[in-house]
Amino acid sequence: MANPDVSRVLASVPTGLWIGGEERSAASTFDVVNPATDEVLVSIANATAADAIAALVDDAAAKGARV
């Protein structure tokens, strides 16, 4: 990647899952590709249904709901 500003921004992008107020890794990732060049910009977490349920449970618990 030629532009250092773009590289700096992409390096600051969280690539994990944000669940329960913390970043978590995922079992797998997928690439975000620049459609003009087919260059992989960044690989990010690929959430599963279990990850989505964990996020919902954590959110409900943070709001005082019983799950």
Protein backbone atom coordinates (compact mmCIF):
# COMPACT_ATOMS: atom_id res chain seq x y z
CA MET A 1 0.00 0.00 0.00
CA ALA A 2 1.65 3.19 -1.16
CA ASN A 3 -0.20 5.81 0.90
CA PRO A 4 1.11 5.93 4.50
CA ASP A 5 -2.05 7.72 5.70
CA VAL A 6 -4.24 4.89 4.43
CA SER A 7 -1.92 2.32 6.00
CA ARG A 8 -2.09 4.15 9.35
CA VAL A 9 -5.89 4.28 9.28
CA LEU A 10 -6.21 0.62 8.33
CA ALA A 11 -3.77 -0.36 11.09
CA SER A 12 -6.03 1.39 13.62
CA VAL A 13 -9.18 -0.49 12.57
CA PRO A 14 -10.26 -3.06 15.17
CA THR A 15 -10.26 -6.46 13.51
CA GLY A 16 -11.77 -8.57 16.27
CA LEU A 17 -15.27 -8.86 17.66
CA TRP A 18 -16.48 -6.27 20.16
CA ILE A 19 -18.43 -8.23 22.80
CA GLY A 20 -19.03 -7.28 26.41
CA GLY A 21 -16.92 -4.14 26.18
CA GLU A 22 -13.82 -5.91 24.95
CA GLU A 23 -12.30 -6.98 21.69
CA ARG A 24 -12.32 -10.75 21.17
CA SER A 25 -10.77 -12.86 18.47
CA ALA A 26 -12.87 -15.00 16.17
CA ALA A 27 -12.50 -18.55 14.94
CA SER A 28 -12.02 -17.26 11.41
CA THR A 29 -11.50 -14.06 9.45
CA PHE A 30 -12.32 -12.68 6.04
CA ASP A 31 -10.49 -10.21 3.84
CA VAL A 32 -11.70 -6.71 3.01
CA VAL A 33 -10.60 -6.08 -0.57
CA ASN A 34 -10.16 -2.86 -2.51
CA PRO A 35 -12.50 -3.45 -5.48
CA ALA A 36 -10.43 -1.24 -7.76
CA THR A 37 -7.16 -3.13 -7.23
CA ASP A 38 -8.15 -6.46 -5.62
CA GLU A 39 -5.63 -5.61 -2.89
CA VAL A 40 -6.43 -7.04 0.54
CA LEU A 41 -6.78 -4.03 2.83
CA VAL A 42 -7.34 -5.82 6.12
CA SER A 43 -8.57 -9.16 7.49
CA ILE A 44 -11.35 -8.90 10.04
CA ALA A 45 -13.21 -11.25 12.37
CA ASN A 46 -15.92 -13.42 10.89
CA ALA A 47 -18.56 -13.71 13.61
CA THR A 48 -20.57 -16.88 14.11
CA ALA A 49 -24.10 -17.33 15.41
CA ALA A 50 -22.57 -18.21 18.80
CA ASP A 51 -20.68 -14.89 18.78
CA ALA A 52 -23.92 -13.03 18.06
CA ILE A 53 -25.68 -14.81 20.94
CA ALA A 54 -22.77 -14.00 23.28
CA ALA A 55 -23.03 -10.33 22.29
CA LEU A 56 -26.79 -10.29 22.92
CA VAL A 57 -26.43 -12.06 26.28
CA ASP A 58 -23.68 -9.66 27.40
CA ASP A 59 -25.75 -6.65 26.31
CA ALA A 60 -28.85 -7.91 28.10
CA ALA A 61 -26.83 -8.58 31.26
CA ALA A 62 -25.32 -5.08 31.10
CA LYS A 63 -28.86 -3.71 30.99
CA GLY A 64 -29.91 -5.78 33.99
CA ALA A 65 -32.00 -8.30 32.12
CA ARG A 66 -32.10 -11.93 33.17
CA VAL A 67 -31.08 -14.28 30.41
